Amino acid sequence: VTLIMGQLLALGVLLVLQRVLDEEALRAWGWRIPF
């Protein structure tokens, strides 16, 4: 449950960043935020 929840949390962060950042920003620097 918590293993999958961790994966969901990672996807949730991705969904949020996909909404607040454009594709170029995500590829340039936005991908660093989840780490």
PDB file of all heavy atoms in Angstrom:
ATOM      1  N   VAL A   1       0.849  -1.200   0.000  1.00  0.00           N
ATOM      2  CA  VAL A   1       0.000   0.000   0.000  1.00  0.00           C
ATOM      3  C   VAL A   1       0.878   1.241   0.000  1.00  0.00           C
ATOM      4  O   VAL A   1       0.690   2.161  -0.812  1.00  0.00           O
ATOM      5  CB  VAL A   1      -0.945   0.006   1.218  1.00  0.00           C
ATOM      6  CG1 VAL A   1      -1.638   1.364   1.346  1.00  0.00           C
ATOM      7  CG2 VAL A   1      -1.994  -1.094   1.091  1.00  0.00           C
ATOM      8  N   THR A   2       1.864   1.267   0.895  1.00  0.00           N
ATOM      9  CA  THR A   2       2.722   2.449   0.967  1.00  0.00           C
ATOM     10  C   THR A   2       3.699   2.502  -0.201  1.00  0.00           C
ATOM     11  O   THR A   2       4.076   3.584  -0.648  1.00  0.00           O
ATOM     12  CB  THR A   2       3.484   2.482   2.299  1.00  0.00           C
ATOM     13  OG1 THR A   2       4.142   1.223   2.520  1.00  0.00           O
ATOM     14  CG2 THR A   2       2.547   2.755   3.453  1.00  0.00           C
ATOM     15  N   LEU A   3       4.108   1.338  -0.710  1.00  0.00           N
ATOM     16  CA  LEU A   3       4.957   1.317  -1.904  1.00  0.00           C
ATOM     17  C   LEU A   3       4.222   1.965  -3.082  1.00  0.00           C
ATOM     18  O   LEU A   3       4.762   2.834  -3.769  1.00  0.00           O
ATOM     19  CB  LEU A   3       5.331  -0.129  -2.215  1.00  0.00           C
ATOM     20  CG  LEU A   3       6.333  -0.412  -3.344  1.00  0.00           C
ATOM     21  CD1 LEU A   3       6.995  -1.767  -3.103  1.00  0.00           C
ATOM     22  CD2 LEU A   3       5.666  -0.423  -4.714  1.00  0.00           C
ATOM     23  N   ILE A   4       2.977   1.546  -3.295  1.00  0.00           N
ATOM     24  CA  ILE A   4       2.183   2.114  -4.397  1.00  0.00           C
ATOM     25  C   ILE A   4       1.851   3.574  -4.115  1.00  0.00           C
ATOM     26  O   ILE A   4       1.843   4.415  -5.024  1.00  0.00           O
ATOM     27  CB  ILE A   4       0.896   1.296  -4.601  1.00  0.00           C
ATOM     28  CG1 ILE A   4       1.241  -0.155  -4.965  1.00  0.00           C
ATOM     29  CG2 ILE A   4       0.030   1.917  -5.701  1.00  0.00           C
ATOM     30  CD1 ILE A   4       0.081  -1.117  -4.795  1.00  0.00           C
ATOM     31  N   MET A   5       1.610   3.891  -2.838  1.00  0.00           N
ATOM     32  CA  MET A   5       1.321   5.276  -2.477  1.00  0.00           C
ATOM     33  C   MET A   5       2.526   6.167  -2.783  1.00  0.00           C
ATOM     34  O   MET A   5       2.370   7.321  -3.222  1.00  0.00           O
ATOM     35  CB  MET A   5       0.962   5.374  -0.996  1.00  0.00           C
ATOM     36  CG  MET A   5       0.283   6.671  -0.593  1.00  0.00           C
ATOM     37  SD  MET A   5      -0.161   6.698   1.164  1.00  0.00           S
ATOM     38  CE  MET A   5      -1.420   5.411   1.203  1.00  0.00           C
ATOM     39  N   GLY A   6       3.730   5.639  -2.577  1.00  0.00           N
ATOM     40  CA  GLY A   6       4.923   6.396  -2.934  1.00  0.00           C
ATOM     41  C   GLY A   6       4.985   6.650  -4.424  1.00  0.00           C
ATOM     42  O   GLY A   6       5.333   7.755  -4.879  1.00  0.00           O
ATOM     43  N   GLN A   7       4.623   5.641  -5.209  1.00  0.00           N
ATOM     44  CA  GLN A   7       4.588   5.811  -6.657  1.00  0.00           C
ATOM     45  C   GLN A   7       3.514   6.817  -7.060  1.00  0.00           C
ATOM     46  O   GLN A   7       3.723   7.654  -7.943  1.00  0.00           O
ATOM     47  CB  GLN A   7       4.334   4.462  -7.324  1.00  0.00           C
ATOM     48  CG  GLN A   7       4.543   4.459  -8.821  1.00  0.00           C
ATOM     49  CD  GLN A   7       4.523   3.059  -9.409  1.00  0.00           C
ATOM     50  OE1 GLN A   7       4.342   2.078  -8.700  1.00  0.00           O
ATOM     51  NE2 GLN A   7       4.707   2.960 -10.712  1.00  0.00           N
ATOM     52  N   LEU A   8       2.357   6.735  -6.397  1.00  0.00           N
ATOM     53  CA  LEU A   8       1.280   7.686  -6.670  1.00  0.00           C
ATOM     54  C   LEU A   8       1.684   9.105  -6.306  1.00  0.00           C
ATOM     55  O   LEU A   8       1.346  10.063  -7.016  1.00  0.00           O
ATOM     56  CB  LEU A   8       0.024   7.292  -5.880  1.00  0.00           C
ATOM     57  CG  LEU A   8      -0.933   6.316  -6.544  1.00  0.00           C
ATOM     58  CD1 LEU A   8      -2.015   5.898  -5.555  1.00  0.00           C
ATOM     59  CD2 LEU A   8      -1.568   6.953  -7.778  1.00  0.00           C
ATOM     60  N   LEU A   9       2.394   9.251  -5.205  1.00  0.00           N
ATOM     61  CA  LEU A   9       2.852  10.569  -4.796  1.00  0.00           C
ATOM     62  C   LEU A   9       3.803  11.149  -5.848  1.00  0.00           C
ATOM     63  O   LEU A   9       3.738  12.339  -6.180  1.00  0.00           O
ATOM     64  CB  LEU A   9       3.543  10.486  -3.433  1.00  0.00           C
ATOM     65  CG  LEU A   9       4.007  11.803  -2.808  1.00  0.00           C
ATOM     66  CD1 LEU A   9       2.843  12.761  -2.633  1.00  0.00           C
ATOM     67  CD2 LEU A   9       4.687  11.538  -1.470  1.00  0.00           C
ATOM     68  N   ALA A  10       4.680  10.293  -6.380  1.00  0.00           N
ATOM     69  CA  ALA A  10       5.583  10.750  -7.445  1.00  0.00           C
ATOM     70  C   ALA A  10       4.785  11.190  -8.669  1.00  0.00           C
ATOM     71  O   ALA A  10       5.078  12.236  -9.275  1.00  0.00           O
ATOM     72  CB  ALA A  10       6.561   9.632  -7.805  1.00  0.00           C
ATOM     73  N   LEU A  11       3.769  10.400  -9.037  1.00  0.00           N
ATOM     74  CA  LEU A  11       2.924  10.776 -10.171  1.00  0.00           C
ATOM     75  C   LEU A  11       2.116  12.033  -9.869  1.00  0.00           C
ATOM     76  O   LEU A  11       1.881  12.866 -10.747  1.00  0.00           O
ATOM     77  CB  LEU A  11       1.989   9.627 -10.530  1.00  0.00           C
ATOM     78  CG  LEU A  11       2.636   8.415 -11.202  1.00  0.00           C
ATOM     79  CD1 LEU A  11       1.625   7.290 -11.343  1.00  0.00           C
ATOM     80  CD2 LEU A  11       3.202   8.795 -12.561  1.00  0.00           C
ATOM     81  N   GLY A  12       1.671  12.164  -8.604  1.00  0.00           N
ATOM     82  CA  GLY A  12       0.921  13.355  -8.215  1.00  0.00           C
ATOM     83  C   GLY A  12       1.756  14.614  -8.351  1.00  0.00           C
ATOM     84  O   GLY A  12       1.272  15.654  -8.843  1.00  0.00           O
ATOM     85  N   VAL A  13       3.008  14.536  -7.921  1.00  0.00           N
ATOM     86  CA  VAL A  13       3.907  15.679  -8.088  1.00  0.00           C
ATOM     87  C   VAL A  13       4.085  15.989  -9.573  1.00  0.00           C
ATOM     88  O   VAL A  13       4.090  17.163  -9.986  1.00  0.00           O
ATOM     89  CB  VAL A  13       5.269  15.386  -7.424  1.00  0.00           C
ATOM     90  CG1 VAL A  13       6.292  16.469  -7.773  1.00  0.00           C
ATOM     91  CG2 VAL A  13       5.112  15.285  -5.910  1.00  0.00           C
ATOM     92  N   LEU A  14       4.191  14.942 -10.380  1.00  0.00           N
ATOM     93  CA  LEU A  14       4.326  15.143 -11.825  1.00  0.00           C
ATOM     94  C   LEU A  14       3.084  15.818 -12.411  1.00  0.00           C
ATOM     95  O   LEU A  14       3.195  16.757 -13.214  1.00  0.00           O
ATOM     96  CB  LEU A  14       4.567  13.795 -12.513  1.00  0.00           C
ATOM     97  CG  LEU A  14       4.648  13.808 -14.050  1.00  0.00           C
ATOM     98  CD1 LEU A  14       5.688  14.797 -14.547  1.00  0.00           C
ATOM     99  CD2 LEU A  14       4.944  12.411 -14.572  1.00  0.00           C
ATOM    100  N   LEU A  15       1.890  15.370 -11.999  1.00  0.00           N
ATOM    101  CA  LEU A  15       0.658  15.975 -12.509  1.00  0.00           C
ATOM    102  C   LEU A  15       0.575  17.453 -12.143  1.00  0.00           C
ATOM    103  O   LEU A  15       0.169  18.290 -12.958  1.00  0.00           O
ATOM    104  CB  LEU A  15      -0.555  15.218 -11.954  1.00  0.00           C
ATOM    105  CG  LEU A  15      -0.856  13.862 -12.587  1.00  0.00           C
ATOM    106  CD1 LEU A  15      -1.916  13.117 -11.779  1.00  0.00           C
ATOM    107  CD2 LEU A  15      -1.313  14.026 -14.035  1.00  0.00           C
ATOM    108  N   VAL A  16       0.958  17.778 -10.906  1.00  0.00           N
ATOM    109  CA  VAL A  16       0.938  19.173 -10.471  1.00  0.00           C
ATOM    110  C   VAL A  16       1.921  20.000 -11.296  1.00  0.00           C
ATOM    111  O   VAL A  16       1.591  21.101 -11.788  1.00  0.00           O
ATOM    112  CB  VAL A  16       1.262  19.284  -8.970  1.00  0.00           C
ATOM    113  CG1 VAL A  16       1.474  20.750  -8.566  1.00  0.00           C
ATOM    114  CG2 VAL A  16       0.135  18.680  -8.139  1.00  0.00           C
ATOM    115  N   LEU A  17       3.125  19.477 -11.467  1.00  0.00           N
ATOM    116  CA  LEU A  17       4.129  20.226 -12.216  1.00  0.00           C
ATOM    117  C   LEU A  17       3.744  20.364 -13.688  1.00  0.00           C
ATOM    118  O   LEU A  17       4.057  21.381 -14.327  1.00  0.00           O
ATOM    119  CB  LEU A  17       5.489  19.536 -12.086  1.00  0.00           C
ATOM    120  CG  LEU A  17       6.137  19.617 -10.700  1.00  0.00           C
ATOM    121  CD1 LEU A  17       7.459  18.860 -10.672  1.00  0.00           C
ATOM    122  CD2 LEU A  17       6.357  21.071 -10.276  1.00  0.00           C
ATOM    123  N   GLN A  18       3.059  19.352 -14.233  1.00  0.00           N
ATOM    124  CA  GLN A  18       2.601  19.459 -15.622  1.00  0.00           C
ATOM    125  C   GLN A  18       1.559  20.564 -15.783  1.00  0.00           C
ATOM    126  O   GLN A  18       1.412  21.138 -16.868  1.00  0.00           O
ATOM    127  CB  GLN A  18       2.020  18.121 -16.090  1.00  0.00           C
ATOM    128  CG  GLN A  18       3.082  17.071 -16.393  1.00  0.00           C
ATOM    129  CD  GLN A  18       2.482  15.714 -16.693  1.00  0.00           C
ATOM    130  OE1 GLN A  18       1.362  15.397 -16.281  1.00  0.00           O
ATOM    131  NE2 GLN A  18       3.222  14.888 -17.402  1.00  0.00           N
ATOM    132  N   ARG A  19       0.843  20.873 -14.695  1.00  0.00           N
ATOM    133  CA  ARG A  19      -0.182  21.924 -14.764  1.00  0.00           C
ATOM    134  C   ARG A  19       0.416  23.315 -14.559  1.00  0.00           C
ATOM    135  O   ARG A  19      -0.068  24.297 -15.131  1.00  0.00           O
ATOM    136  CB  ARG A  19      -1.274  21.669 -13.722  1.00  0.00           C
ATOM    137  CG  ARG A  19      -2.204  20.528 -14.101  1.00  0.00           C
ATOM    138  CD  ARG A  19      -3.368  20.407 -13.118  1.00  0.00           C
ATOM    139  NE  ARG A  19      -4.335  19.415 -13.552  1.00  0.00           N
ATOM    140  CZ  ARG A  19      -5.311  19.631 -14.419  1.00  0.00           C
ATOM    141  NH1 ARG A  19      -5.458  20.824 -14.960  1.00  0.00           N
ATOM    142  NH2 ARG A  19      -6.153  18.668 -14.751  1.00  0.00           N
ATOM    143  N   VAL A  20       1.441  23.414 -13.724  1.00  0.00           N
ATOM    144  CA  VAL A  20       1.963  24.744 -13.383  1.00  0.00           C
ATOM    145  C   VAL A  20       3.183  25.133 -14.225  1.00  0.00           C
ATOM    146  O   VAL A  20       3.541  26.314 -14.262  1.00  0.00           O
ATOM    147  CB  VAL A  20       2.315  24.837 -11.878  1.00  0.00           C
ATOM    148  CG1 VAL A  20       1.087  24.591 -11.030  1.00  0.00           C
ATOM    149  CG2 VAL A  20       3.436  23.886 -11.507  1.00  0.00           C
ATOM    150  N   LEU A  21       3.821  24.150 -14.874  1.00  0.00           N
ATOM    151  CA  LEU A  21       4.975  24.435 -15.723  1.00  0.00           C
ATOM    152  C   LEU A  21       4.709  23.961 -17.143  1.00  0.00           C
ATOM    153  O   LEU A  21       4.008  22.974 -17.343  1.00  0.00           O
ATOM    154  CB  LEU A  21       6.232  23.735 -15.185  1.00  0.00           C
ATOM    155  CG  LEU A  21       6.717  24.121 -13.785  1.00  0.00           C
ATOM    156  CD1 LEU A  21       7.913  23.243 -13.397  1.00  0.00           C
ATOM    157  CD2 LEU A  21       7.104  25.599 -13.722  1.00  0.00           C
ATOM    158  N   ASP A  22       5.267  24.659 -18.114  1.00  0.00           N
ATOM    159  CA  ASP A  22       5.122  24.182 -19.483  1.00  0.00           C
ATOM    160  C   ASP A  22       6.152  23.087 -19.763  1.00  0.00           C
ATOM    161  O   ASP A  22       7.050  22.826 -18.962  1.00  0.00           O
ATOM    162  CB  ASP A  22       5.221  25.327 -20.485  1.00  0.00           C
ATOM    163  CG  ASP A  22       6.558  26.071 -20.409  1.00  0.00           C
ATOM    164  OD1 ASP A  22       7.570  25.457 -20.018  1.00  0.00           O
ATOM    165  OD2 ASP A  22       6.579  27.276 -20.737  1.00  0.00           O
ATOM    166  N   GLU A  23       6.035  22.458 -20.927  1.00  0.00           N
ATOM    167  CA  GLU A  23       6.905  21.337 -21.303  1.00  0.00           C
ATOM    168  C   GLU A  23       8.377  21.744 -21.277  1.00  0.00           C
ATOM    169  O   GLU A  23       9.233  20.997 -20.792  1.00  0.00           O
ATOM    170  CB  GLU A  23       6.527  20.851 -22.700  1.00  0.00           C
ATOM    171  CG  GLU A  23       7.260  19.621 -23.164  1.00  0.00           C
ATOM    172  CD  GLU A  23       6.514  18.333 -22.860  1.00  0.00           C
ATOM    173  OE1 GLU A  23       5.429  18.400 -22.250  1.00  0.00           O
ATOM    174  OE2 GLU A  23       7.026  17.279 -23.224  1.00  0.00           O
ATOM    175  N   GLU A  24       8.675  22.926 -21.786  1.00  0.00           N
ATOM    176  CA  GLU A  24      10.070  23.367 -21.857  1.00  0.00           C
ATOM    177  C   GLU A  24      10.668  23.537 -20.468  1.00  0.00           C
ATOM    178  O   GLU A  24      11.817  23.152 -20.211  1.00  0.00           O
ATOM    179  CB  GLU A  24      10.144  24.681 -22.637  1.00  0.00           C
ATOM    180  CG  GLU A  24      11.569  25.180 -22.839  1.00  0.00           C
ATOM    181  CD  GLU A  24      11.613  26.468 -23.650  1.00  0.00           C
ATOM    182  OE1 GLU A  24      10.574  26.853 -24.219  1.00  0.00           O
ATOM    183  OE2 GLU A  24      12.702  27.081 -23.696  1.00  0.00           O
ATOM    184  N   ALA A  25       9.896  24.123 -19.536  1.00  0.00           N
ATOM    185  CA  ALA A  25      10.394  24.332 -18.178  1.00  0.00           C
ATOM    186  C   ALA A  25      10.606  22.999 -17.453  1.00  0.00           C
ATOM    187  O   ALA A  25      11.582  22.824 -16.706  1.00  0.00           O
ATOM    188  CB  ALA A  25       9.417  25.211 -17.390  1.00  0.00           C
ATOM    189  N   LEU A  26       9.683  22.057 -17.673  1.00  0.00           N
ATOM    190  CA  LEU A  26       9.832  20.748 -17.045  1.00  0.00           C
ATOM    191  C   LEU A  26      11.104  20.061 -17.518  1.00  0.00           C
ATOM    192  O   LEU A  26      11.824  19.441 -16.722  1.00  0.00           O
ATOM    193  CB  LEU A  26       8.616  19.872 -17.365  1.00  0.00           C
ATOM    194  CG  LEU A  26       7.501  19.819 -16.321  1.00  0.00           C
ATOM    195  CD1 LEU A  26       6.315  19.039 -16.861  1.00  0.00           C
ATOM    196  CD2 LEU A  26       8.001  19.195 -15.034  1.00  0.00           C
ATOM    197  N   ARG A  27      11.373  20.142 -18.802  1.00  0.00           N
ATOM    198  CA  ARG A  27      12.560  19.480 -19.339  1.00  0.00           C
ATOM    199  C   ARG A  27      13.842  20.225 -18.967  1.00  0.00           C
ATOM    200  O   ARG A  27      14.907  19.621 -18.843  1.00  0.00           O
ATOM    201  CB  ARG A  27      12.450  19.359 -20.867  1.00  0.00           C
ATOM    202  CG  ARG A  27      11.366  18.397 -21.319  1.00  0.00           C
ATOM    203  CD  ARG A  27      11.337  18.242 -22.831  1.00  0.00           C
ATOM    204  NE  ARG A  27      10.260  17.374 -23.265  1.00  0.00           N
ATOM    205  CZ  ARG A  27      10.328  16.048 -23.307  1.00  0.00           C
ATOM    206  NH1 ARG A  27      11.446  15.430 -22.944  1.00  0.00           N
ATOM    207  NH2 ARG A  27       9.299  15.332 -23.736  1.00  0.00           N
ATOM    208  N   ALA A  28      13.744  21.524 -18.774  1.00  0.00           N
ATOM    209  CA  ALA A  28      14.929  22.325 -18.471  1.00  0.00           C
ATOM    210  C   ALA A  28      15.351  22.204 -17.001  1.00  0.00           C
ATOM    211  O   ALA A  28      16.521  21.984 -16.696  1.00  0.00           O
ATOM    212  CB  ALA A  28      14.679  23.787 -18.835  1.00  0.00           C
ATOM    213  N   TRP A  29      14.384  22.378 -16.082  1.00  0.00           N
ATOM    214  CA  TRP A  29      14.741  22.382 -14.661  1.00  0.00           C
ATOM    215  C   TRP A  29      13.644  21.834 -13.743  1.00  0.00           C
ATOM    216  O   TRP A  29      13.931  21.420 -12.611  1.00  0.00           O
ATOM    217  CB  TRP A  29      15.082  23.803 -14.201  1.00  0.00           C
ATOM    218  CG  TRP A  29      13.963  24.796 -14.455  1.00  0.00           C
ATOM    219  CD1 TRP A  29      13.796  25.569 -15.557  1.00  0.00           C
ATOM    220  CD2 TRP A  29      12.867  25.106 -13.587  1.00  0.00           C
ATOM    221  NE1 TRP A  29      12.661  26.341 -15.450  1.00  0.00           N
ATOM    222  CE2 TRP A  29      12.079  26.084 -14.234  1.00  0.00           C
ATOM    223  CE3 TRP A  29      12.475  24.673 -12.325  1.00  0.00           C
ATOM    224  CZ2 TRP A  29      10.927  26.609 -13.677  1.00  0.00           C
ATOM    225  CZ3 TRP A  29      11.327  25.211 -11.744  1.00  0.00           C
ATOM    226  CH2 TRP A  29      10.565  26.171 -12.420  1.00  0.00           C
ATOM    227  N   GLY A  30      12.401  21.777 -14.216  1.00  0.00           N
ATOM    228  CA  GLY A  30      11.307  21.361 -13.332  1.00  0.00           C
ATOM    229  C   GLY A  30      11.432  19.938 -12.818  1.00  0.00           C
ATOM    230  O   GLY A  30      10.940  19.618 -11.732  1.00  0.00           O
ATOM    231  N   TRP A  31      12.099  19.067 -13.584  1.00  0.00           N
ATOM    232  CA  TRP A  31      12.252  17.671 -13.157  1.00  0.00           C
ATOM    233  C   TRP A  31      13.091  17.537 -11.887  1.00  0.00           C
ATOM    234  O   TRP A  31      13.069  16.499 -11.216  1.00  0.00           O
ATOM    235  CB  TRP A  31      12.880  16.843 -14.279  1.00  0.00           C
ATOM    236  CG  TRP A  31      14.231  17.322 -14.712  1.00  0.00           C
ATOM    237  CD1 TRP A  31      14.514  18.142 -15.747  1.00  0.00           C
ATOM    238  CD2 TRP A  31      15.491  16.994 -14.115  1.00  0.00           C
ATOM    239  NE1 TRP A  31      15.873  18.365 -15.847  1.00  0.00           N
ATOM    240  CE2 TRP A  31      16.496  17.658 -14.854  1.00  0.00           C
ATOM    241  CE3 TRP A  31      15.875  16.203 -13.039  1.00  0.00           C
ATOM    242  CZ2 TRP A  31      17.850  17.574 -14.529  1.00  0.00           C
ATOM    243  CZ3 TRP A  31      17.221  16.105 -12.714  1.00  0.00           C
ATOM    244  CH2 TRP A  31      18.201  16.784 -13.457  1.00  0.00           C
ATOM    245  N   ARG A  32      13.843  18.578 -11.513  1.00  0.00           N
ATOM    246  CA  ARG A  32      14.666  18.516 -10.298  1.00  0.00           C
ATOM    247  C   ARG A  32      13.820  18.633  -9.020  1.00  0.00           C
ATOM    248  O   ARG A  32      14.227  18.163  -7.953  1.00  0.00           O
ATOM    249  CB  ARG A  32      15.719  19.629 -10.312  1.00  0.00           C
ATOM    250  CG  ARG A  32      16.711  19.516 -11.456  1.00  0.00           C
ATOM    251  CD  ARG A  32      17.773  20.621 -11.371  1.00  0.00           C
ATOM    252  NE  ARG A  32      18.656  20.609 -12.529  1.00  0.00           N
ATOM    253  CZ  ARG A  32      19.755  19.842 -12.648  1.00  0.00           C
ATOM    254  NH1 ARG A  32      20.090  19.035 -11.653  1.00  0.00           N
ATOM    255  NH2 ARG A  32      20.493  19.902 -13.737  1.00  0.00           N
ATOM    256  N   ILE A  33      12.657  19.274  -9.129  1.00  0.00           N
ATOM    257  CA  ILE A  33      11.833  19.551  -7.942  1.00  0.00           C
ATOM    258  C   ILE A  33      11.457  18.282  -7.170  1.00  0.00           C
ATOM    259  O   ILE A  33      11.575  18.250  -5.932  1.00  0.00           O
ATOM    260  CB  ILE A  33      10.573  20.349  -8.351  1.00  0.00           C
ATOM    261  CG1 ILE A  33      10.978  21.720  -8.876  1.00  0.00           C
ATOM    262  CG2 ILE A  33       9.589  20.473  -7.187  1.00  0.00           C
ATOM    263  CD1 ILE A  33       9.837  22.529  -9.480  1.00  0.00           C
ATOM    264  N   PRO A  34      10.981  17.202  -7.826  1.00  0.00           N
ATOM    265  CA  PRO A  34      10.579  16.015  -7.056  1.00  0.00           C
ATOM    266  C   PRO A  34      11.724  15.380  -6.272  1.00  0.00           C
ATOM    267  O   PRO A  34      11.491  14.791  -5.204  1.00  0.00           O
ATOM    268  CB  PRO A  34      10.064  15.057  -8.130  1.00  0.00           C
ATOM    269  CG  PRO A  34      10.663  15.528  -9.408  1.00  0.00           C
ATOM    270  CD  PRO A  34      10.735  17.015  -9.260  1.00  0.00           C
ATOM    271  N   PHE A  35      12.956  15.526  -6.750  1.00  0.00           N
ATOM    272  CA  PHE A  35      14.083  14.933  -6.033  1.00  0.00           C
ATOM    273  C   PHE A  35      14.459  15.761  -4.804  1.00  0.00           C
ATOM    274  O   PHE A  35      14.894  15.214  -3.784  1.00  0.00           O
ATOM    275  CB  PHE A  35      15.269  14.765  -6.982  1.00  0.00           C
ATOM    276  CG  PHE A  35      14.973  13.821  -8.121  1.00  0.00           C
ATOM    277  CD1 PHE A  35      14.708  14.305  -9.395  1.00  0.00           C
ATOM    278  CD2 PHE A  35      14.906  12.453  -7.902  1.00  0.00           C
ATOM    279  CE1 PHE A  35      14.412  13.440 -10.430  1.00  0.00           C
ATOM    280  CE2 PHE A  35      14.597  11.579  -8.937  1.00  0.00           C
ATOM    281  CZ  PHE A  35      14.354  12.071 -10.208  1.00  0.00           C
TER     282      PHE A  35
END
